[in-house]
Amino acid sequence: MAKLRTANHLYTTSILSSSSSFSMVEAYKKLRTNLMFALPGTACKKILVASSVPDEGKSTVCANLGITLAQMSERILLIDCDLRNPSLHRVFKTKGLPGLSEVLAGMIPFEEAVIPLKLEGLHVLPAGTIPPNPAELLGSDAMGTLLQDLALQYDYILLDSPPLDAVSDAVVLTPKVNGTVVVVREGSTEHPQLQRTLAALQFAEAKVLGLILSDSKTLAKQGYGKYSKYGKYGYGNK
């Protein structure tokens, strides 16, 4: 299993802005640097941002990582792949329809669903209408073809996935991306949940880039320079 050097402590309370704390900004910059080195030589880096269960800060981490990457004048696309409980459109206060489900069903082209955000180079593709067959849509040839086509237009594509320990939707996406990061939340994610998530990714032969420790109040007090280490089936300082 490939690993990031550190499990970054990120804060899930807000979206990055000019009023964000220094520690929060630096944590995302550190994550950005680690991901850049984790996938060297890849023209378009397609990264799945996953978690074990809901409410671990996955969507906020995905959004803030997209913002941080776009600040480097990169072209970034965020795709809400949680076709059961989408949230990226709420994070950015944009419309949620139409979106990915309509594009995959062949109802509309990508260009009619993608939303450019205020930060130049940053775009979001909302989930769209909640379909009766999320896993089938995400694992379809249409999804693979869409990602291949979009890789010619963007430097990074970040996929906000459904929780791995709840449904199988996210696992079917792993062959279509270059790597997966797993968000764990301090004081919330349970060790068995993380074990099952990593086991599912290992079974799918997914390339796991590392773990991201979110909402770490303890580490926030210590300063952004200190990070917790993690092992193959767990994470430290717990």
Protein backbone atom coordinates (compact mmCIF):
# COMPACT_ATOMS: atom_id res chain seq x y z
CA MET A 1 0.00 0.00 0.00
CA ALA A 2 1.44 3.35 -1.03
CA LYS A 3 1.51 5.93 1.75
CA LEU A 4 1.77 9.66 2.15
CA ARG A 5 4.57 10.64 4.46
CA THR A 6 2.16 11.98 7.06
CA ALA A 7 -1.45 11.83 8.11
CA ASN A 8 -2.28 15.49 7.92
CA HIS A 9 -4.45 17.07 10.59
CA LEU A 10 -7.15 19.11 8.86
CA TYR A 11 -10.07 21.02 10.25
CA THR A 12 -13.54 20.34 8.95
CA THR A 13 -15.32 23.34 10.41
CA SER A 14 -15.14 25.64 7.40
CA ILE A 15 -14.15 26.18 3.80
CA LEU A 16 -10.82 27.89 3.16
CA SER A 17 -11.04 31.65 2.86
CA SER A 18 -9.00 34.75 3.58
CA SER A 19 -10.08 34.50 7.23
CA SER A 20 -8.98 30.87 7.70
CA SER A 21 -6.41 30.18 10.40
CA PHE A 22 -2.74 29.89 9.56
CA SER A 23 -2.68 26.29 10.83
CA MET A 24 -5.58 25.28 8.60
CA VAL A 25 -4.07 26.88 5.49
CA GLU A 26 -0.65 25.32 6.11
CA ALA A 27 -2.14 21.87 6.74
CA TYR A 28 -3.82 21.91 3.32
CA LYS A 29 -0.65 23.16 1.66
CA LYS A 30 1.21 20.25 3.24
CA LEU A 31 -1.41 17.85 1.95
CA ARG A 32 -1.19 19.41 -1.52
CA THR A 33 2.58 18.94 -1.58
CA ASN A 34 2.36 15.34 -0.42
CA LEU A 35 -0.17 14.46 -3.10
CA MET A 36 1.92 16.10 -5.80
CA PHE A 37 4.87 13.89 -4.87
CA ALA A 38 2.71 10.79 -4.36
CA LEU A 39 1.79 10.66 -8.06
CA PRO A 40 4.85 11.87 -9.98
CA GLY A 41 4.72 11.96 -13.74
CA THR A 42 0.92 11.73 -13.93
CA ALA A 43 -0.51 14.27 -16.37
CA CYS A 44 -3.95 14.40 -14.74
CA LYS A 45 -4.08 13.13 -11.19
CA LYS A 46 -7.43 11.47 -10.47
CA ILE A 47 -7.83 11.07 -6.71
CA LEU A 48 -10.67 9.45 -4.79
CA VAL A 49 -11.35 11.15 -1.44
CA ALA A 50 -13.00 8.53 0.75
CA SER A 51 -13.98 7.83 4.35
CA SER A 52 -15.30 4.89 6.33
CA VAL A 53 -18.59 6.40 7.51
CA PRO A 54 -20.53 9.66 7.05
CA ASP A 55 -19.65 12.89 8.88
CA GLU A 56 -15.89 12.45 8.88
CA GLY A 57 -15.26 15.69 6.98
CA LYS A 58 -14.56 14.01 3.63
CA SER A 59 -16.48 16.48 1.47
CA THR A 60 -14.95 19.49 3.23
CA VAL A 61 -11.46 18.04 2.82
CA CYS A 62 -12.16 17.39 -0.87
CA ALA A 63 -13.42 20.94 -1.37
CA ASN A 64 -10.53 22.58 0.47
CA LEU A 65 -7.95 20.47 -1.31
CA GLY A 66 -9.49 21.58 -4.60
CA ILE A 67 -9.24 25.21 -3.52
CA THR A 68 -5.61 24.80 -2.47
CA LEU A 69 -4.68 23.16 -5.76
CA ALA A 70 -6.51 25.82 -7.80
CA GLN A 71 -4.46 28.50 -6.03
CA MET A 72 -1.47 27.13 -7.94
CA SER A 73 -3.19 28.05 -11.23
CA GLU A 74 -4.08 24.40 -11.85
CA ARG A 75 -7.32 23.34 -13.51
CA ILE A 76 -9.31 21.39 -10.93
CA LEU A 77 -12.55 19.44 -11.20
CA LEU A 78 -14.43 18.25 -8.12
CA ILE A 79 -16.96 15.47 -8.80
CA ASP A 80 -19.63 14.58 -6.25
CA CYS A 81 -19.79 10.80 -6.58
CA ASP A 82 -21.99 10.31 -3.52
CA LEU A 83 -25.12 9.52 -5.47
CA ARG A 84 -27.02 8.62 -2.30
CA ASN A 85 -26.35 11.64 -0.07
CA PRO A 86 -24.56 14.34 -2.11
CA SER A 87 -23.14 17.40 -0.38
CA LEU A 88 -20.59 19.24 -2.56
CA HIS A 89 -23.29 21.50 -3.98
CA ARG A 90 -24.19 22.53 -0.42
CA VAL A 91 -20.54 23.12 0.46
CA PHE A 92 -20.19 25.60 -2.41
CA LYS A 93 -23.80 26.83 -2.29
CA THR A 94 -24.47 25.92 -5.93
CA LYS A 95 -27.32 24.11 -7.64
CA GLY A 96 -27.35 20.33 -7.31
CA LEU A 97 -29.18 19.54 -10.55
CA PRO A 98 -28.39 18.50 -13.20
CA GLY A 99 -25.21 16.61 -12.46
CA LEU A 100 -23.18 13.43 -12.73
CA SER A 101 -26.14 11.05 -12.82
CA GLU A 102 -27.68 12.87 -15.79
CA VAL A 103 -24.33 12.90 -17.62
CA LEU A 104 -23.74 9.18 -17.07
CA ALA A 105 -27.30 8.38 -18.17
CA GLY A 106 -26.66 10.22 -21.44
CA MET A 107 -29.35 12.79 -20.77
CA ILE A 108 -27.06 15.85 -21.05
CA PRO A 109 -23.42 16.53 -21.98
CA PHE A 110 -20.86 17.29 -19.27
CA GLU A 111 -20.69 20.93 -20.31
CA GLU A 112 -24.32 21.50 -19.29
CA ALA A 113 -23.78 20.14 -15.78
CA VAL A 114 -20.35 21.44 -14.73
CA ILE A 115 -20.30 24.62 -12.61
CA PRO A 116 -17.36 27.08 -12.65
CA LEU A 117 -16.69 28.50 -9.18
CA LYS A 118 -15.41 31.94 -8.19
CA LEU A 119 -11.81 30.77 -7.88
CA GLU A 120 -10.38 30.63 -11.39
CA GLY A 121 -9.69 27.12 -12.63
CA LEU A 122 -11.95 25.41 -10.06
CA HIS A 123 -15.06 23.58 -11.27
CA VAL A 124 -17.56 21.29 -9.60
CA LEU A 125 -19.78 18.59 -11.08
CA PRO A 126 -22.66 18.00 -8.64
CA ALA A 127 -24.16 14.56 -8.15
CA GLY A 128 -27.43 15.38 -9.84
CA THR A 129 -30.61 13.38 -9.40
CA ILE A 130 -30.29 10.49 -6.92
CA PRO A 131 -30.59 7.37 -9.11
CA PRO A 132 -31.95 3.93 -8.17
CA ASN A 133 -28.63 2.27 -9.14
CA PRO A 134 -25.68 4.36 -7.84
CA ALA A 135 -23.08 1.57 -7.81
CA GLU A 136 -23.95 0.51 -11.36
CA LEU A 137 -23.62 4.05 -12.66
CA LEU A 138 -20.29 4.70 -10.92
CA GLY A 139 -18.85 1.38 -12.09
CA SER A 140 -20.10 1.75 -15.65
CA ASP A 141 -18.05 2.12 -18.80
CA ALA A 142 -19.64 5.56 -19.17
CA MET A 143 -17.96 6.68 -15.95
CA GLY A 144 -14.60 5.39 -17.12
CA THR A 145 -14.97 7.10 -20.48
CA LEU A 146 -16.03 10.37 -18.83
CA LEU A 147 -12.94 10.39 -16.60
CA GLN A 148 -10.68 9.62 -19.54
CA ASP A 149 -12.14 12.51 -21.53
CA LEU A 150 -11.98 14.93 -18.60
CA ALA A 151 -8.35 14.01 -17.91
CA LEU A 152 -7.51 15.89 -21.11
CA GLN A 153 -9.06 19.08 -19.70
CA TYR A 154 -7.93 19.12 -16.05
CA ASP A 155 -4.75 18.80 -14.01
CA TYR A 156 -6.53 17.24 -11.03
CA ILE A 157 -9.86 15.47 -10.72
CA LEU A 158 -10.99 14.93 -7.12
CA LEU A 159 -13.84 12.49 -6.57
CA ASP A 160 -15.88 12.87 -3.38
CA SER A 161 -16.95 9.29 -2.73
CA PRO A 162 -19.68 7.63 -0.66
CA PRO A 163 -18.57 6.16 2.70
CA LEU A 164 -16.64 2.93 2.13
CA ASP A 165 -17.90 1.09 5.20
CA ALA A 166 -21.53 1.82 4.37
CA VAL A 167 -21.95 0.96 0.67
CA SER A 168 -19.92 -0.59 -2.16
CA ASP A 169 -20.20 2.43 -4.46
CA ALA A 170 -16.75 3.84 -3.72
CA VAL A 171 -14.89 0.57 -4.30
CA VAL A 172 -16.03 0.37 -7.92
CA LEU A 173 -14.39 3.73 -8.54
CA THR A 174 -10.90 2.68 -7.43
CA PRO A 175 -9.84 1.12 -10.78
CA LYS A 176 -10.74 4.39 -12.51
CA VAL A 177 -8.48 6.67 -10.41
CA ASN A 178 -4.76 7.01 -9.79
CA GLY A 179 -5.04 6.79 -6.03
CA THR A 180 -7.26 7.00 -2.96
CA VAL A 181 -6.94 8.97 0.28
CA VAL A 182 -9.00 8.04 3.33
CA VAL A 183 -10.25 10.71 5.73
CA VAL A 184 -10.50 9.73 9.41
CA ARG A 185 -11.91 12.04 12.05
CA GLU A 186 -10.37 12.38 15.48
CA GLY A 187 -12.71 11.18 18.20
CA SER A 188 -15.21 9.82 15.68
CA THR A 189 -13.78 7.17 13.37
CA GLU A 190 -13.55 3.81 15.12
CA HIS A 191 -10.59 1.53 14.59
CA PRO A 192 -12.66 -1.45 13.31
CA GLN A 193 -14.34 0.82 10.75
CA LEU A 194 -10.96 1.92 9.43
CA GLN A 195 -9.74 -1.68 9.35
CA ARG A 196 -12.71 -2.73 7.23
CA THR A 197 -12.21 0.21 4.90
CA LEU A 198 -8.53 -0.53 4.32
CA ALA A 199 -9.28 -4.23 3.89
CA ALA A 200 -11.90 -3.43 1.23
CA LEU A 201 -9.45 -1.20 -0.61
CA GLN A 202 -6.74 -3.82 -0.39
CA PHE A 203 -9.11 -6.47 -1.76
CA ALA A 204 -9.93 -4.15 -4.67
CA GLU A 205 -6.18 -3.67 -5.25
CA ALA A 206 -6.64 0.08 -4.86
CA LYS A 207 -3.63 2.34 -4.58
CA VAL A 208 -4.00 3.95 -1.16
CA LEU A 209 -1.97 7.15 -0.97
CA GLY A 210 -2.50 7.64 2.76
CA LEU A 211 -4.77 8.73 5.58
CA ILE A 212 -5.88 12.26 6.39
CA LEU A 213 -6.64 12.98 10.05
CA SER A 214 -9.35 15.62 10.17
CA ASP A 215 -10.73 17.81 12.93
CA SER A 216 -7.78 17.18 15.22
CA LYS A 217 -8.24 19.58 18.10
CA THR A 218 -5.25 18.15 19.95
CA LEU A 219 -2.84 18.59 17.07
CA ALA A 220 -4.26 22.01 16.25
CA LYS A 221 -3.15 23.23 19.67
CA GLN A 222 0.34 21.85 19.07
CA GLY A 223 0.79 23.68 15.77
CA TYR A 224 0.65 22.63 12.14
CA GLY A 225 4.14 21.15 12.10
CA LYS A 226 3.31 18.06 14.17
CA TYR A 227 1.50 15.14 12.61
CA SER A 228 0.40 11.72 13.79
CA LYS A 229 1.85 8.63 12.16
CA TYR A 230 -0.20 5.71 10.97
CA GLY A 231 0.29 2.04 10.21
CA LYS A 232 -1.20 -0.24 7.62
CA TYR A 233 -4.33 -1.05 9.59
CA GLY A 234 -4.64 1.83 12.01
CA TYR A 235 -3.61 5.31 12.94
CA GLY A 236 -1.62 6.72 15.79
CA ASN A 237 -2.17 8.90 18.82
CA LYS A 238 -5.49 7.23 19.69
